[in-house]
Amino acid sequence: MSDLELENKHEKYLVTIRNLRAHNFSKDLPFLILSENLPEGQVYKEFADGRIEIQEVASAGKKFSTRVIKVLKGMQADSIRKTYGLL
């Protein structure tokens, strides 16, 4: 696969992710950002108001529970958005 083809696929991926994010926000739902940079069991959760939280997710059978670990400050949240192509 050529560099141009890879770049086109990546751009299509980002468009899809941005559309899903906008759809979630329009329904007042958070957007989940999975990251290999976080410890296992932790995720970023972005909200329509611009807040991004690091949450710990635990499961017991079919039930899931979450706990807020940290609420990111403005520049930290923007850095995450930039890293994942959400700006």
PDB file of N, CA and C in Angstrom:
ATOM      1  N   MET A   1       0.850  -1.175   0.000  1.00  0.00           N
ATOM      2  CA  MET A   1       0.000   0.000   0.000  1.00  0.00           C
ATOM      3  C   MET A   1       0.897   1.240   0.000  1.00  0.00           C
ATOM      4  N   SER A   2       0.592   2.177  -0.840  1.00  0.00           N
ATOM      5  CA  SER A   2       1.428   3.378  -0.974  1.00  0.00           C
ATOM      6  C   SER A   2       1.171   4.348   0.183  1.00  0.00           C
ATOM      7  N   ASP A   3       2.085   5.292   0.343  1.00  0.00           N
ATOM      8  CA  ASP A   3       1.943   6.310   1.387  1.00  0.00           C
ATOM      9  C   ASP A   3       0.669   7.123   1.182  1.00  0.00           C
ATOM     10  N   LEU A   4       0.354   7.431  -0.064  1.00  0.00           N
ATOM     11  CA  LEU A   4      -0.849   8.203  -0.367  1.00  0.00           C
ATOM     12  C   LEU A   4      -2.101   7.426   0.016  1.00  0.00           C
ATOM     13  N   GLU A   5      -2.122   6.129  -0.268  1.00  0.00           N
ATOM     14  CA  GLU A   5      -3.276   5.296   0.103  1.00  0.00           C
ATOM     15  C   GLU A   5      -3.433   5.231   1.623  1.00  0.00           C
ATOM     16  N   LEU A   6      -2.315   5.087   2.321  1.00  0.00           N
ATOM     17  CA  LEU A   6      -2.364   5.057   3.784  1.00  0.00           C
ATOM     18  C   LEU A   6      -2.860   6.386   4.336  1.00  0.00           C
ATOM     19  N   GLU A   7      -2.388   7.473   3.764  1.00  0.00           N
ATOM     20  CA  GLU A   7      -2.816   8.795   4.206  1.00  0.00           C
ATOM     21  C   GLU A   7      -4.316   8.985   3.971  1.00  0.00           C
ATOM     22  N   ASN A   8      -4.808   8.542   2.835  1.00  0.00           N
ATOM     23  CA  ASN A   8      -6.240   8.640   2.529  1.00  0.00           C
ATOM     24  C   ASN A   8      -7.076   7.806   3.497  1.00  0.00           C
ATOM     25  N   LYS A   9      -6.616   6.600   3.806  1.00  0.00           N
ATOM     26  CA  LYS A   9      -7.333   5.747   4.758  1.00  0.00           C
ATOM     27  C   LYS A   9      -7.359   6.390   6.140  1.00  0.00           C
ATOM     28  N   HIS A  10      -6.232   6.964   6.538  1.00  0.00           N
ATOM     29  CA  HIS A  10      -6.150   7.620   7.849  1.00  0.00           C
ATOM     30  C   HIS A  10      -7.113   8.806   7.911  1.00  0.00           C
ATOM     31  N   GLU A  11      -7.174   9.593   6.852  1.00  0.00           N
ATOM     32  CA  GLU A  11      -8.078  10.749   6.819  1.00  0.00           C
ATOM     33  C   GLU A  11      -9.536  10.296   6.883  1.00  0.00           C
ATOM     34  N   LYS A  12      -9.892   9.220   6.174  1.00  0.00           N
ATOM     35  CA  LYS A  12     -11.255   8.682   6.238  1.00  0.00           C
ATOM     36  C   LYS A  12     -11.583   8.211   7.656  1.00  0.00           C
ATOM     37  N   TYR A  13     -10.613   7.585   8.299  1.00  0.00           N
ATOM     38  CA  TYR A  13     -10.771   7.134   9.687  1.00  0.00           C
ATOM     39  C   TYR A  13     -11.054   8.332  10.590  1.00  0.00           C
ATOM     40  N   LEU A  14     -10.269   9.406  10.452  1.00  0.00           N
ATOM     41  CA  LEU A  14     -10.458  10.592  11.288  1.00  0.00           C
ATOM     42  C   LEU A  14     -11.824  11.236  11.043  1.00  0.00           C
ATOM     43  N   VAL A  15     -12.265  11.280   9.802  1.00  0.00           N
ATOM     44  CA  VAL A  15     -13.585  11.839   9.484  1.00  0.00           C
ATOM     45  C   VAL A  15     -14.672  11.010  10.175  1.00  0.00           C
ATOM     46  N   THR A  16     -14.552   9.704  10.117  1.00  0.00           N
ATOM     47  CA  THR A  16     -15.528   8.820  10.759  1.00  0.00           C
ATOM     48  C   THR A  16     -15.551   9.040  12.270  1.00  0.00           C
ATOM     49  N   ILE A  17     -14.380   9.123  12.879  1.00  0.00           N
ATOM     50  CA  ILE A  17     -14.279   9.333  14.326  1.00  0.00           C
ATOM     51  C   ILE A  17     -14.886  10.683  14.706  1.00  0.00           C
ATOM     52  N   ARG A  18     -14.558  11.729  13.954  1.00  0.00           N
ATOM     53  CA  ARG A  18     -15.111  13.064  14.250  1.00  0.00           C
ATOM     54  C   ARG A  18     -16.629  13.078  14.105  1.00  0.00           C
ATOM     55  N   ASN A  19     -17.159  12.373  13.113  1.00  0.00           N
ATOM     56  CA  ASN A  19     -18.614  12.303  12.933  1.00  0.00           C
ATOM     57  C   ASN A  19     -19.275  11.566  14.097  1.00  0.00           C
ATOM     58  N   LEU A  20     -18.683  10.471  14.534  1.00  0.00           N
ATOM     59  CA  LEU A  20     -19.212   9.724  15.672  1.00  0.00           C
ATOM     60  C   LEU A  20     -19.190  10.585  16.934  1.00  0.00           C
ATOM     61  N   ARG A  21     -18.111  11.304  17.128  1.00  0.00           N
ATOM     62  CA  ARG A  21     -17.971  12.201  18.284  1.00  0.00           C
ATOM     63  C   ARG A  21     -19.069  13.269  18.252  1.00  0.00           C
ATOM     64  N   ALA A  22     -19.265  13.907  17.098  1.00  0.00           N
ATOM     65  CA  ALA A  22     -20.303  14.937  16.958  1.00  0.00           C
ATOM     66  C   ALA A  22     -21.690  14.346  17.203  1.00  0.00           C
ATOM     67  N   HIS A  23     -21.918  13.135  16.704  1.00  0.00           N
ATOM     68  CA  HIS A  23     -23.204  12.459  16.913  1.00  0.00           C
ATOM     69  C   HIS A  23     -23.443  12.225  18.408  1.00  0.00           C
ATOM     70  N   ASN A  24     -22.433  11.723  19.104  1.00  0.00           N
ATOM     71  CA  ASN A  24     -22.567  11.499  20.549  1.00  0.00           C
ATOM     72  C   ASN A  24     -22.895  12.801  21.266  1.00  0.00           C
ATOM     73  N   PHE A  25     -22.151  13.861  20.945  1.00  0.00           N
ATOM     74  CA  PHE A  25     -22.375  15.143  21.609  1.00  0.00           C
ATOM     75  C   PHE A  25     -23.772  15.674  21.316  1.00  0.00           C
ATOM     76  N   SER A  26     -24.275  15.469  20.101  1.00  0.00           N
ATOM     77  CA  SER A  26     -25.618  15.952  19.749  1.00  0.00           C
ATOM     78  C   SER A  26     -26.696  15.231  20.551  1.00  0.00           C
ATOM     79  N   LYS A  27     -26.389  14.047  21.035  1.00  0.00           N
ATOM     80  CA  LYS A  27     -27.325  13.259  21.847  1.00  0.00           C
ATOM     81  C   LYS A  27     -27.015  13.400  23.342  1.00  0.00           C
ATOM     82  N   ASP A  28     -26.126  14.352  23.677  1.00  0.00           N
ATOM     83  CA  ASP A  28     -25.676  14.590  25.052  1.00  0.00           C
ATOM     84  C   ASP A  28     -25.038  13.343  25.672  1.00  0.00           C
ATOM     85  N   LEU A  29     -24.292  12.617  24.829  1.00  0.00           N
ATOM     86  CA  LEU A  29     -23.545  11.440  25.281  1.00  0.00           C
ATOM     87  C   LEU A  29     -22.051  11.739  25.254  1.00  0.00           C
ATOM     88  N   PRO A  30     -21.289  11.147  26.156  1.00  0.00           N
ATOM     89  CA  PRO A  30     -19.834  11.345  26.117  1.00  0.00           C
ATOM     90  C   PRO A  30     -19.205  10.546  24.978  1.00  0.00           C
ATOM     91  N   PHE A  31     -17.994  10.922  24.652  1.00  0.00           N
ATOM     92  CA  PHE A  31     -17.215  10.225  23.620  1.00  0.00           C
ATOM     93  C   PHE A  31     -16.060   9.516  24.310  1.00  0.00           C
ATOM     94  N   LEU A  32     -15.953   8.226  24.094  1.00  0.00           N
ATOM     95  CA  LEU A  32     -14.939   7.395  24.724  1.00  0.00           C
ATOM     96  C   LEU A  32     -13.675   7.384  23.872  1.00  0.00           C
ATOM     97  N   ILE A  33     -12.543   7.664  24.498  1.00  0.00           N
ATOM     98  CA  ILE A  33     -11.251   7.630  23.811  1.00  0.00           C
ATOM     99  C   ILE A  33     -10.398   6.562  24.484  1.00  0.00           C
ATOM    100  N   LEU A  34     -10.162   5.483  23.767  1.00  0.00           N
ATOM    101  CA  LEU A  34      -9.301   4.410  24.278  1.00  0.00           C
ATOM    102  C   LEU A  34      -7.859   4.772  23.970  1.00  0.00           C
ATOM    103  N   SER A  35      -6.978   4.500  24.913  1.00  0.00           N
ATOM    104  CA  SER A  35      -5.576   4.875  24.723  1.00  0.00           C
ATOM    105  C   SER A  35      -4.651   3.814  25.311  1.00  0.00           C
ATOM    106  N   GLU A  36      -3.650   3.471  24.533  1.00  0.00           N
ATOM    107  CA  GLU A  36      -2.618   2.562  25.035  1.00  0.00           C
ATOM    108  C   GLU A  36      -1.672   3.283  25.995  1.00  0.00           C
ATOM    109  N   ASN A  37      -1.799   4.612  26.087  1.00  0.00           N
ATOM    110  CA  ASN A  37      -0.939   5.403  26.967  1.00  0.00           C
ATOM    111  C   ASN A  37      -1.452   5.443  28.404  1.00  0.00           C
ATOM    112  N   LEU A  38      -2.657   4.938  28.618  1.00  0.00           N
ATOM    113  CA  LEU A  38      -3.219   4.871  29.964  1.00  0.00           C
ATOM    114  C   LEU A  38      -3.052   3.464  30.524  1.00  0.00           C
ATOM    115  N   PRO A  39      -3.017   3.349  31.847  1.00  0.00           N
ATOM    116  CA  PRO A  39      -2.964   2.003  32.443  1.00  0.00           C
ATOM    117  C   PRO A  39      -4.196   1.192  32.052  1.00  0.00           C
ATOM    118  N   GLU A  40      -4.044  -0.110  32.088  1.00  0.00           N
ATOM    119  CA  GLU A  40      -5.161  -0.996  31.752  1.00  0.00           C
ATOM    120  C   GLU A  40      -6.358  -0.674  32.631  1.00  0.00           C
ATOM    121  N   GLY A  41      -7.531  -0.647  32.012  1.00  0.00           N
ATOM    122  CA  GLY A  41      -8.753  -0.371  32.748  1.00  0.00           C
ATOM    123  C   GLY A  41      -9.109   1.106  32.819  1.00  0.00           C
ATOM    124  N   GLN A  42      -8.261   1.975  32.251  1.00  0.00           N
ATOM    125  CA  GLN A  42      -8.553   3.405  32.257  1.00  0.00           C
ATOM    126  C   GLN A  42      -8.821   3.901  30.842  1.00  0.00           C
ATOM    127  N   VAL A  43      -9.694   4.898  30.729  1.00  0.00           N
ATOM    128  CA  VAL A  43     -10.073   5.481  29.445  1.00  0.00           C
ATOM    129  C   VAL A  43     -10.211   6.995  29.611  1.00  0.00           C
ATOM    130  N   TYR A  44     -10.160   7.695  28.485  1.00  0.00           N
ATOM    131  CA  TYR A  44     -10.540   9.104  28.473  1.00  0.00           C
ATOM    132  C   TYR A  44     -12.003   9.163  28.097  1.00  0.00           C
ATOM    133  N   LYS A  45     -12.757  10.017  28.759  1.00  0.00           N
ATOM    134  CA  LYS A  45     -14.146  10.241  28.394  1.00  0.00           C
ATOM    135  C   LYS A  45     -14.318  11.743  28.186  1.00  0.00           C
ATOM    136  N   GLU A  46     -14.682  12.124  26.946  1.00  0.00           N
ATOM    137  CA  GLU A  46     -14.853  13.532  26.606  1.00  0.00           C
ATOM    138  C   GLU A  46     -16.344  13.860  26.578  1.00  0.00           C
ATOM    139  N   PHE A  47     -16.675  15.021  27.118  1.00  0.00           N
ATOM    140  CA  PHE A  47     -18.061  15.462  27.200  1.00  0.00           C
ATOM    141  C   PHE A  47     -18.282  16.675  26.306  1.00  0.00           C
ATOM    142  N   ALA A  48     -19.540  16.915  25.940  1.00  0.00           N
ATOM    143  CA  ALA A  48     -19.889  18.003  25.027  1.00  0.00           C
ATOM    144  C   ALA A  48     -19.481  19.373  25.577  1.00  0.00           C
ATOM    145  N   ASP A  49     -19.370  19.499  26.887  1.00  0.00           N
ATOM    146  CA  ASP A  49     -18.980  20.786  27.472  1.00  0.00           C
ATOM    147  C   ASP A  49     -17.468  21.033  27.386  1.00  0.00           C
ATOM    148  N   GLY A  50     -16.732  20.083  26.780  1.00  0.00           N
ATOM    149  CA  GLY A  50     -15.290  20.242  26.596  1.00  0.00           C
ATOM    150  C   GLY A  50     -14.442  19.544  27.642  1.00  0.00           C
ATOM    151  N   ARG A  51     -15.063  19.062  28.673  1.00  0.00           N
ATOM    152  CA  ARG A  51     -14.341  18.383  29.754  1.00  0.00           C
ATOM    153  C   ARG A  51     -13.883  17.002  29.292  1.00  0.00           C
ATOM    154  N   ILE A  52     -12.674  16.635  29.692  1.00  0.00           N
ATOM    155  CA  ILE A  52     -12.185  15.274  29.480  1.00  0.00           C
ATOM    156  C   ILE A  52     -11.783  14.720  30.843  1.00  0.00           C
ATOM    157  N   GLU A  53     -12.298  13.551  31.132  1.00  0.00           N
ATOM    158  CA  GLU A  53     -11.970  12.866  32.381  1.00  0.00           C
ATOM    159  C   GLU A  53     -11.198  11.588  32.074  1.00  0.00           C
ATOM    160  N   ILE A  54     -10.311  11.233  32.974  1.00  0.00           N
ATOM    161  CA  ILE A  54      -9.721   9.898  32.960  1.00  0.00           C
ATOM    162  C   ILE A  54     -10.571   9.090  33.930  1.00  0.00           C
ATOM    163  N   GLN A  55     -11.136   7.986  33.415  1.00  0.00           N
ATOM    164  CA  GLN A  55     -11.992   7.158  34.245  1.00  0.00           C
ATOM    165  C   GLN A  55     -11.456   5.736  34.289  1.00  0.00           C
ATOM    166  N   GLU A  56     -11.684   5.113  35.424  1.00  0.00           N
ATOM    167  CA  GLU A  56     -11.356   3.705  35.583  1.00  0.00           C
ATOM    168  C   GLU A  56     -12.640   2.914  35.363  1.00  0.00           C
ATOM    169  N   VAL A  57     -12.562   1.905  34.512  1.00  0.00           N
ATOM    170  CA  VAL A  57     -13.733   1.087  34.179  1.00  0.00           C
ATOM    171  C   VAL A  57     -13.504  -0.317  34.722  1.00  0.00           C
ATOM    172  N   ALA A  58     -14.474  -0.801  35.479  1.00  0.00           N
ATOM    173  CA  ALA A  58     -14.392  -2.160  36.026  1.00  0.00           C
ATOM    174  C   ALA A  58     -15.668  -2.896  35.641  1.00  0.00           C
ATOM    175  N   SER A  59     -15.538  -4.194  35.434  1.00  0.00           N
ATOM    176  CA  SER A  59     -16.716  -4.995  35.101  1.00  0.00           C
ATOM    177  C   SER A  59     -16.851  -6.143  36.083  1.00  0.00           C
ATOM    178  N   ALA A  60     -18.093  -6.433  36.379  1.00  0.00           N
ATOM    179  CA  ALA A  60     -18.438  -7.592  37.198  1.00  0.00           C
ATOM    180  C   ALA A  60     -19.594  -8.285  36.487  1.00  0.00           C
ATOM    181  N   GLY A  61     -19.248  -9.314  35.742  1.00  0.00           N
ATOM    182  CA  GLY A  61     -20.270  -9.980  34.940  1.00  0.00           C
ATOM    183  C   GLY A  61     -20.722  -9.062  33.824  1.00  0.00           C
ATOM    184  N   LYS A  62     -22.020  -8.793  33.778  1.00  0.00           N
ATOM    185  CA  LYS A  62     -22.575  -7.928  32.733  1.00  0.00           C
ATOM    186  C   LYS A  62     -22.652  -6.465  33.170  1.00  0.00           C
ATOM    187  N   LYS A  63     -22.259  -6.170  34.390  1.00  0.00           N
ATOM    188  CA  LYS A  63     -22.349  -4.814  34.919  1.00  0.00           C
ATOM    189  C   LYS A  63     -20.990  -4.121  34.843  1.00  0.00           C
ATOM    190  N   PHE A  64     -21.034  -2.843  34.475  1.00  0.00           N
ATOM    191  CA  PHE A  64     -19.830  -2.022  34.421  1.00  0.00           C
ATOM    192  C   PHE A  64     -19.966  -0.884  35.415  1.00  0.00           C
ATOM    193  N   SER A  65     -18.866  -0.531  36.027  1.00  0.00           N
ATOM    194  CA  SER A  65     -18.851   0.642  36.899  1.00  0.00           C
ATOM    195  C   SER A  65     -17.657   1.505  36.507  1.00  0.00           C
ATOM    196  N   THR A  66     -17.808   2.804  36.711  1.00  0.00           N
ATOM    197  CA  THR A  66     -16.724   3.730  36.397  1.00  0.00           C
ATOM    198  C   THR A  66     -16.434   4.607  37.602  1.00  0.00           C
ATOM    199  N   ARG A  67     -15.204   5.078  37.641  1.00  0.00           N
ATOM    200  CA  ARG A  67     -14.777   5.973  38.715  1.00  0.00           C
ATOM    201  C   ARG A  67     -13.876   7.014  38.088  1.00  0.00           C
ATOM    202  N   VAL A  68     -14.146   8.290  38.391  1.00  0.00           N
ATOM    203  CA  VAL A  68     -13.328   9.371  37.852  1.00  0.00           C
ATOM    204  C   VAL A  68     -11.987   9.394  38.586  1.00  0.00           C
ATOM    205  N   ILE A  69     -10.918   9.299  37.809  1.00  0.00           N
ATOM    206  CA  ILE A  69      -9.563   9.359  38.358  1.00  0.00           C
ATOM    207  C   ILE A  69      -9.073  10.802  38.373  1.00  0.00           C
ATOM    208  N   LYS A  70      -9.335  11.513  37.255  1.00  0.00           N
ATOM    209  CA  LYS A  70      -8.823  12.871  37.114  1.00  0.00           C
ATOM    210  C   LYS A  70      -9.636  13.608  36.058  1.00  0.00           C
ATOM    211  N   VAL A  71      -9.869  14.899  36.288  1.00  0.00           N
ATOM    212  CA  VAL A  71     -10.467  15.771  35.279  1.00  0.00           C
ATOM    213  C   VAL A  71      -9.317  16.592  34.704  1.00  0.00           C
ATOM    214  N   LEU A  72      -9.127  16.498  33.389  1.00  0.00           N
ATOM    215  CA  LEU A  72      -8.007  17.185  32.754  1.00  0.00           C
ATOM    216  C   LEU A  72      -8.261  18.688  32.673  1.00  0.00           C
ATOM    217  N   LYS A  73      -7.193  19.460  32.834  1.00  0.00           N
ATOM    218  CA  LYS A  73      -7.251  20.917  32.679  1.00  0.00           C
ATOM    219  C   LYS A  73      -7.327  21.236  31.193  1.00  0.00           C
ATOM    220  N   GLY A  74      -7.642  22.472  30.857  1.00  0.00           N
ATOM    221  CA  GLY A  74      -7.835  22.911  29.479  1.00  0.00           C
ATOM    222  C   GLY A  74      -6.730  22.508  28.519  1.00  0.00           C
ATOM    223  N   MET A  75      -5.477  22.833  28.850  1.00  0.00           N
ATOM    224  CA  MET A  75      -4.364  22.517  27.945  1.00  0.00           C
ATOM    225  C   MET A  75      -4.126  21.014  27.853  1.00  0.00           C
ATOM    226  N   GLN A  76      -4.339  20.308  28.958  1.00  0.00           N
ATOM    227  CA  GLN A  76      -4.178  18.852  28.945  1.00  0.00           C
ATOM    228  C   GLN A  76      -5.236  18.226  28.031  1.00  0.00           C
ATOM    229  N   ALA A  77      -6.470  18.708  28.145  1.00  0.00           N
ATOM    230  CA  ALA A  77      -7.561  18.182  27.314  1.00  0.00           C
ATOM    231  C   ALA A  77      -7.293  18.474  25.841  1.00  0.00           C
ATOM    232  N   ASP A  78      -6.828  19.694  25.544  1.00  0.00           N
ATOM    233  CA  ASP A  78      -6.507  20.043  24.155  1.00  0.00           C
ATOM    234  C   ASP A  78      -5.386  19.171  23.603  1.00  0.00           C
ATOM    235  N   SER A  79      -4.427  18.839  24.441  1.00  0.00           N
ATOM    236  CA  SER A  79      -3.321  17.978  24.022  1.00  0.00           C
ATOM    237  C   SER A  79      -3.835  16.583  23.638  1.00  0.00           C
ATOM    238  N   ILE A  80      -4.778  16.062  24.405  1.00  0.00           N
ATOM    239  CA  ILE A  80      -5.371  14.755  24.094  1.00  0.00           C
ATOM    240  C   ILE A  80      -6.138  14.844  22.782  1.00  0.00           C
ATOM    241  N   ARG A  81      -6.924  15.904  22.623  1.00  0.00           N
ATOM    242  CA  ARG A  81      -7.671  16.071  21.358  1.00  0.00           C
ATOM    243  C   ARG A  81      -6.717  16.143  20.169  1.00  0.00           C
ATOM    244  N   LYS A  82      -5.623  16.855  20.320  1.00  0.00           N
ATOM    245  CA  LYS A  82      -4.647  16.978  19.232  1.00  0.00           C
ATOM    246  C   LYS A  82      -4.013  15.622  18.945  1.00  0.00           C
ATOM    247  N   THR A  83      -3.637  14.894  19.977  1.00  0.00           N
ATOM    248  CA  THR A  83      -3.012  13.579  19.816  1.00  0.00           C
ATOM    249  C   THR A  83      -3.899  12.638  19.006  1.00  0.00           C
ATOM    250  N   TYR A  84      -5.203  12.693  19.237  1.00  0.00           N
ATOM    251  CA  TYR A  84      -6.126  11.761  18.596  1.00  0.00           C
ATOM    252  C   TYR A  84      -6.859  12.371  17.401  1.00  0.00           C
ATOM    253  N   GLY A  85      -6.383  13.519  16.928  1.00  0.00           N
ATOM    254  CA  GLY A  85      -6.927  14.118  15.710  1.00  0.00           C
ATOM    255  C   GLY A  85      -8.337  14.657  15.859  1.00  0.00           C
ATOM    256  N   LEU A  86      -8.693  15.111  17.061  1.00  0.00           N
ATOM    257  CA  LEU A  86     -10.052  15.565  17.315  1.00  0.00           C
ATOM    258  C   LEU A  86     -10.203  17.079  17.286  1.00  0.00           C
ATOM    259  N   LEU A  87      -9.143  17.789  17.017  1.00  0.00           N
ATOM    260  CA  LEU A  87      -9.222  19.262  16.940  1.00  0.00           C
ATOM    261  C   LEU A  87      -9.571  19.715  15.545  1.00  0.00           C
TER     262      LEU A  87
END
